[in-house]
Amino acid sequence: MDKGTYKVKNWRKDKIEFFLKGSKLSGMYALIKLKKTSMKSYKQNEWLLIRMKE
């Protein structure tokens, strides 16, 4: 478990960019919503977490 704070930089329907400052994770991150495809394996609410360069 990690404790810390976060600050949202940009919030859109399909992408959230934020800065984390914790004891284990710190830096700029993005949550990107995966788009639906014809494949049945993708669900509606799947998100991908990416660490971004600052």
PDB file of N, CA and C in Angstrom:
ATOM      1  N   MET A   1       0.842  -1.168   0.000  1.00  0.00           N
ATOM      2  CA  MET A   1       0.000   0.000   0.000  1.00  0.00           C
ATOM      3  C   MET A   1       0.891   1.236   0.000  1.00  0.00           C
ATOM      4  N   ASP A   2       0.418   2.279  -0.664  1.00  0.00           N
ATOM      5  CA  ASP A   2       1.150   3.531  -0.776  1.00  0.00           C
ATOM      6  C   ASP A   2       0.291   4.663  -0.221  1.00  0.00           C
ATOM      7  N   LYS A   3       0.918   5.598   0.447  1.00  0.00           N
ATOM      8  CA  LYS A   3       0.216   6.780   0.956  1.00  0.00           C
ATOM      9  C   LYS A   3       0.830   8.007   0.322  1.00  0.00           C
ATOM     10  N   GLY A   4      -0.019   8.993   0.021  1.00  0.00           N
ATOM     11  CA  GLY A   4       0.481  10.215  -0.575  1.00  0.00           C
ATOM     12  C   GLY A   4      -0.642  11.083  -1.084  1.00  0.00           C
ATOM     13  N   THR A   5      -0.295  11.960  -2.022  1.00  0.00           N
ATOM     14  CA  THR A   5      -1.272  12.889  -2.576  1.00  0.00           C
ATOM     15  C   THR A   5      -1.254  12.812  -4.094  1.00  0.00           C
ATOM     16  N   TYR A   6      -2.262  13.405  -4.702  1.00  0.00           N
ATOM     17  CA  TYR A   6      -2.323  13.491  -6.156  1.00  0.00           C
ATOM     18  C   TYR A   6      -2.876  14.848  -6.545  1.00  0.00           C
ATOM     19  N   LYS A   7      -2.528  15.288  -7.753  1.00  0.00           N
ATOM     20  CA  LYS A   7      -3.042  16.541  -8.287  1.00  0.00           C
ATOM     21  C   LYS A   7      -3.410  16.301  -9.744  1.00  0.00           C
ATOM     22  N   VAL A   8      -4.670  16.534 -10.085  1.00  0.00           N
ATOM     23  CA  VAL A   8      -5.156  16.307 -11.447  1.00  0.00           C
ATOM     24  C   VAL A   8      -4.694  17.455 -12.334  1.00  0.00           C
ATOM     25  N   LYS A   9      -4.089  17.098 -13.476  1.00  0.00           N
ATOM     26  CA  LYS A   9      -3.629  18.093 -14.447  1.00  0.00           C
ATOM     27  C   LYS A   9      -4.661  18.297 -15.546  1.00  0.00           C
ATOM     28  N   ASN A  10      -5.239  17.197 -16.033  1.00  0.00           N
ATOM     29  CA  ASN A  10      -6.196  17.260 -17.128  1.00  0.00           C
ATOM     30  C   ASN A  10      -7.187  16.114 -16.979  1.00  0.00           C
ATOM     31  N   TRP A  11      -8.473  16.402 -17.107  1.00  0.00           N
ATOM     32  CA  TRP A  11      -9.515  15.374 -16.962  1.00  0.00           C
ATOM     33  C   TRP A  11     -10.455  15.466 -18.157  1.00  0.00           C
ATOM     34  N   ARG A  12     -10.405  14.436 -18.993  1.00  0.00           N
ATOM     35  CA  ARG A  12     -11.319  14.327 -20.127  1.00  0.00           C
ATOM     36  C   ARG A  12     -12.093  13.026 -19.993  1.00  0.00           C
ATOM     37  N   LYS A  13     -13.035  12.832 -20.875  1.00  0.00           N
ATOM     38  CA  LYS A  13     -13.878  11.635 -20.854  1.00  0.00           C
ATOM     39  C   LYS A  13     -13.066  10.357 -21.032  1.00  0.00           C
ATOM     40  N   ASP A  14     -12.019  10.410 -21.873  1.00  0.00           N
ATOM     41  CA  ASP A  14     -11.258   9.212 -22.205  1.00  0.00           C
ATOM     42  C   ASP A  14      -9.820   9.213 -21.692  1.00  0.00           C
ATOM     43  N   LYS A  15      -9.399  10.282 -20.990  1.00  0.00           N
ATOM     44  CA  LYS A  15      -8.020  10.357 -20.506  1.00  0.00           C
ATOM     45  C   LYS A  15      -7.934  11.267 -19.279  1.00  0.00           C
ATOM     46  N   ILE A  16      -7.257  10.768 -18.243  1.00  0.00           N
ATOM     47  CA  ILE A  16      -7.042  11.544 -17.023  1.00  0.00           C
ATOM     48  C   ILE A  16      -5.540  11.613 -16.774  1.00  0.00           C
ATOM     49  N   GLU A  17      -4.997  12.824 -16.711  1.00  0.00           N
ATOM     50  CA  GLU A  17      -3.578  13.019 -16.416  1.00  0.00           C
ATOM     51  C   GLU A  17      -3.459  13.571 -14.997  1.00  0.00           C
ATOM     52  N   PHE A  18      -2.525  13.017 -14.217  1.00  0.00           N
ATOM     53  CA  PHE A  18      -2.391  13.453 -12.834  1.00  0.00           C
ATOM     54  C   PHE A  18      -0.970  13.237 -12.333  1.00  0.00           C
ATOM     55  N   PHE A  19      -0.609  13.965 -11.280  1.00  0.00           N
ATOM     56  CA  PHE A  19       0.698  13.868 -10.661  1.00  0.00           C
ATOM     57  C   PHE A  19       0.545  13.163  -9.316  1.00  0.00           C
ATOM     58  N   LEU A  20       1.293  12.094  -9.113  1.00  0.00           N
ATOM     59  CA  LEU A  20       1.281  11.360  -7.847  1.00  0.00           C
ATOM     60  C   LEU A  20       2.532  11.703  -7.046  1.00  0.00           C
ATOM     61  N   LYS A  21       2.345  11.844  -5.742  1.00  0.00           N
ATOM     62  CA  LYS A  21       3.479  12.048  -4.844  1.00  0.00           C
ATOM     63  C   LYS A  21       3.260  11.137  -3.645  1.00  0.00           C
ATOM     64  N   GLY A  22       3.895   9.960  -3.689  1.00  0.00           N
ATOM     65  CA  GLY A  22       3.746   8.972  -2.633  1.00  0.00           C
ATOM     66  C   GLY A  22       5.086   8.382  -2.267  1.00  0.00           C
ATOM     67  N   SER A  23       5.077   7.473  -1.302  1.00  0.00           N
ATOM     68  CA  SER A  23       6.334   6.851  -0.880  1.00  0.00           C
ATOM     69  C   SER A  23       6.801   5.796  -1.881  1.00  0.00           C
ATOM     70  N   LYS A  24       5.889   5.173  -2.619  1.00  0.00           N
ATOM     71  CA  LYS A  24       6.257   4.152  -3.608  1.00  0.00           C
ATOM     72  C   LYS A  24       6.146   4.668  -5.032  1.00  0.00           C
ATOM     73  N   LEU A  25       5.089   5.387  -5.345  1.00  0.00           N
ATOM     74  CA  LEU A  25       4.881   5.924  -6.685  1.00  0.00           C
ATOM     75  C   LEU A  25       4.933   7.439  -6.645  1.00  0.00           C
ATOM     76  N   SER A  26       5.666   8.020  -7.592  1.00  0.00           N
ATOM     77  CA  SER A  26       5.665   9.472  -7.732  1.00  0.00           C
ATOM     78  C   SER A  26       5.954   9.806  -9.181  1.00  0.00           C
ATOM     79  N   GLY A  27       5.401  10.915  -9.630  1.00  0.00           N
ATOM     80  CA  GLY A  27       5.591  11.354 -10.999  1.00  0.00           C
ATOM     81  C   GLY A  27       4.269  11.567 -11.707  1.00  0.00           C
ATOM     82  N   MET A  28       4.373  11.839 -13.016  1.00  0.00           N
ATOM     83  CA  MET A  28       3.201  12.113 -13.833  1.00  0.00           C
ATOM     84  C   MET A  28       2.681  10.809 -14.434  1.00  0.00           C
ATOM     85  N   TYR A  29       1.379  10.599 -14.329  1.00  0.00           N
ATOM     86  CA  TYR A  29       0.730   9.393 -14.833  1.00  0.00           C
ATOM     87  C   TYR A  29      -0.501   9.770 -15.654  1.00  0.00           C
ATOM     88  N   ALA A  30      -0.959   8.822 -16.465  1.00  0.00           N
ATOM     89  CA  ALA A  30      -2.186   9.009 -17.241  1.00  0.00           C
ATOM     90  C   ALA A  30      -2.994   7.722 -17.205  1.00  0.00           C
ATOM     91  N   LEU A  31      -4.283   7.869 -17.044  1.00  0.00           N
ATOM     92  CA  LEU A  31      -5.234   6.771 -17.192  1.00  0.00           C
ATOM     93  C   LEU A  31      -5.935   6.982 -18.524  1.00  0.00           C
ATOM     94  N   ILE A  32      -5.834   5.997 -19.410  1.00  0.00           N
ATOM     95  CA  ILE A  32      -6.408   6.112 -20.742  1.00  0.00           C
ATOM     96  C   ILE A  32      -7.455   5.020 -20.919  1.00  0.00           C
ATOM     97  N   LYS A  33      -8.664   5.432 -21.265  1.00  0.00           N
ATOM     98  CA  LYS A  33      -9.759   4.481 -21.455  1.00  0.00           C
ATOM     99  C   LYS A  33      -9.589   3.771 -22.784  1.00  0.00           C
ATOM    100  N   LEU A  34      -9.647   2.443 -22.758  1.00  0.00           N
ATOM    101  CA  LEU A  34      -9.514   1.660 -23.981  1.00  0.00           C
ATOM    102  C   LEU A  34     -10.804   1.747 -24.786  1.00  0.00           C
ATOM    103  N   LYS A  35     -10.630   1.887 -26.082  1.00  0.00           N
ATOM    104  CA  LYS A  35     -11.796   1.991 -26.960  1.00  0.00           C
ATOM    105  C   LYS A  35     -12.362   0.615 -27.249  1.00  0.00           C
ATOM    106  N   LYS A  36     -13.641   0.583 -27.494  1.00  0.00           N
ATOM    107  CA  LYS A  36     -14.300  -0.680 -27.833  1.00  0.00           C
ATOM    108  C   LYS A  36     -13.852  -1.129 -29.212  1.00  0.00           C
ATOM    109  N   THR A  37     -13.668  -2.419 -29.348  1.00  0.00           N
ATOM    110  CA  THR A  37     -13.353  -3.005 -30.648  1.00  0.00           C
ATOM    111  C   THR A  37     -14.352  -4.116 -30.923  1.00  0.00           C
ATOM    112  N   SER A  38     -14.172  -4.781 -32.015  1.00  0.00           N
ATOM    113  CA  SER A  38     -15.077  -5.883 -32.351  1.00  0.00           C
ATOM    114  C   SER A  38     -14.804  -7.116 -31.494  1.00  0.00           C
ATOM    115  N   MET A  39     -13.640  -7.113 -30.808  1.00  0.00           N
ATOM    116  CA  MET A  39     -13.310  -8.259 -29.950  1.00  0.00           C
ATOM    117  C   MET A  39     -14.205  -8.253 -28.708  1.00  0.00           C
ATOM    118  N   LYS A  40     -14.706  -9.395 -28.345  1.00  0.00           N
ATOM    119  CA  LYS A  40     -15.602  -9.482 -27.193  1.00  0.00           C
ATOM    120  C   LYS A  40     -14.841  -9.432 -25.867  1.00  0.00           C
ATOM    121  N   SER A  41     -13.512  -9.561 -25.905  1.00  0.00           N
ATOM    122  CA  SER A  41     -12.743  -9.590 -24.662  1.00  0.00           C
ATOM    123  C   SER A  41     -12.652  -8.216 -23.998  1.00  0.00           C
ATOM    124  N   TYR A  42     -12.837  -7.150 -24.771  1.00  0.00           N
ATOM    125  CA  TYR A  42     -12.778  -5.813 -24.188  1.00  0.00           C
ATOM    126  C   TYR A  42     -14.108  -5.474 -23.524  1.00  0.00           C
ATOM    127  N   LYS A  43     -14.024  -5.012 -22.320  1.00  0.00           N
ATOM    128  CA  LYS A  43     -15.212  -4.595 -21.596  1.00  0.00           C
ATOM    129  C   LYS A  43     -15.344  -3.085 -21.716  1.00  0.00           C
ATOM    130  N   GLN A  44     -16.436  -2.537 -21.265  1.00  0.00           N
ATOM    131  CA  GLN A  44     -16.686  -1.106 -21.392  1.00  0.00           C
ATOM    132  C   GLN A  44     -15.736  -0.258 -20.551  1.00  0.00           C
ATOM    133  N   ASN A  45     -15.405  -0.675 -19.371  1.00  0.00           N
ATOM    134  CA  ASN A  45     -14.666   0.173 -18.451  1.00  0.00           C
ATOM    135  C   ASN A  45     -13.236  -0.299 -18.218  1.00  0.00           C
ATOM    136  N   GLU A  46     -12.496  -0.568 -19.272  1.00  0.00           N
ATOM    137  CA  GLU A  46     -11.097  -0.949 -19.115  1.00  0.00           C
ATOM    138  C   GLU A  46     -10.220   0.273 -19.331  1.00  0.00           C
ATOM    139  N   TRP A  47      -9.285   0.471 -18.389  1.00  0.00           N
ATOM    140  CA  TRP A  47      -8.386   1.620 -18.429  1.00  0.00           C
ATOM    141  C   TRP A  47      -6.948   1.122 -18.405  1.00  0.00           C
ATOM    142  N   LEU A  48      -6.057   1.920 -19.001  1.00  0.00           N
ATOM    143  CA  LEU A  48      -4.632   1.606 -19.050  1.00  0.00           C
ATOM    144  C   LEU A  48      -3.891   2.700 -18.283  1.00  0.00           C
ATOM    145  N   LEU A  49      -3.010   2.313 -17.344  1.00  0.00           N
ATOM    146  CA  LEU A  49      -2.224   3.264 -16.568  1.00  0.00           C
ATOM    147  C   LEU A  49      -0.842   3.376 -17.192  1.00  0.00           C
ATOM    148  N   ILE A  50      -0.417   4.606 -17.514  1.00  0.00           N
ATOM    149  CA  ILE A  50       0.884   4.848 -18.138  1.00  0.00           C
ATOM    150  C   ILE A  50       1.631   5.902 -17.345  1.00  0.00           C
ATOM    151  N   ARG A  51       2.920   5.650 -17.111  1.00  0.00           N
ATOM    152  CA  ARG A  51       3.769   6.684 -16.497  1.00  0.00           C
ATOM    153  C   ARG A  51       4.294   7.565 -17.605  1.00  0.00           C
ATOM    154  N   MET A  52       4.115   8.867 -17.450  1.00  0.00           N
ATOM    155  CA  MET A  52       4.496   9.827 -18.474  1.00  0.00           C
ATOM    156  C   MET A  52       5.816  10.488 -18.118  1.00  0.00           C
ATOM    157  N   LYS A  53       6.503  10.968 -19.134  1.00  0.00           N
ATOM    158  CA  LYS A  53       7.703  11.774 -18.916  1.00  0.00           C
ATOM    159  C   LYS A  53       7.271  13.169 -18.476  1.00  0.00           C
ATOM    160  N   GLU A  54       7.998  13.725 -17.547  1.00  0.00           N
ATOM    161  CA  GLU A  54       7.633  15.060 -17.050  1.00  0.00           C
ATOM    162  C   GLU A  54       8.195  16.164 -17.895  1.00  0.00           C
TER     163      GLU A  54
END
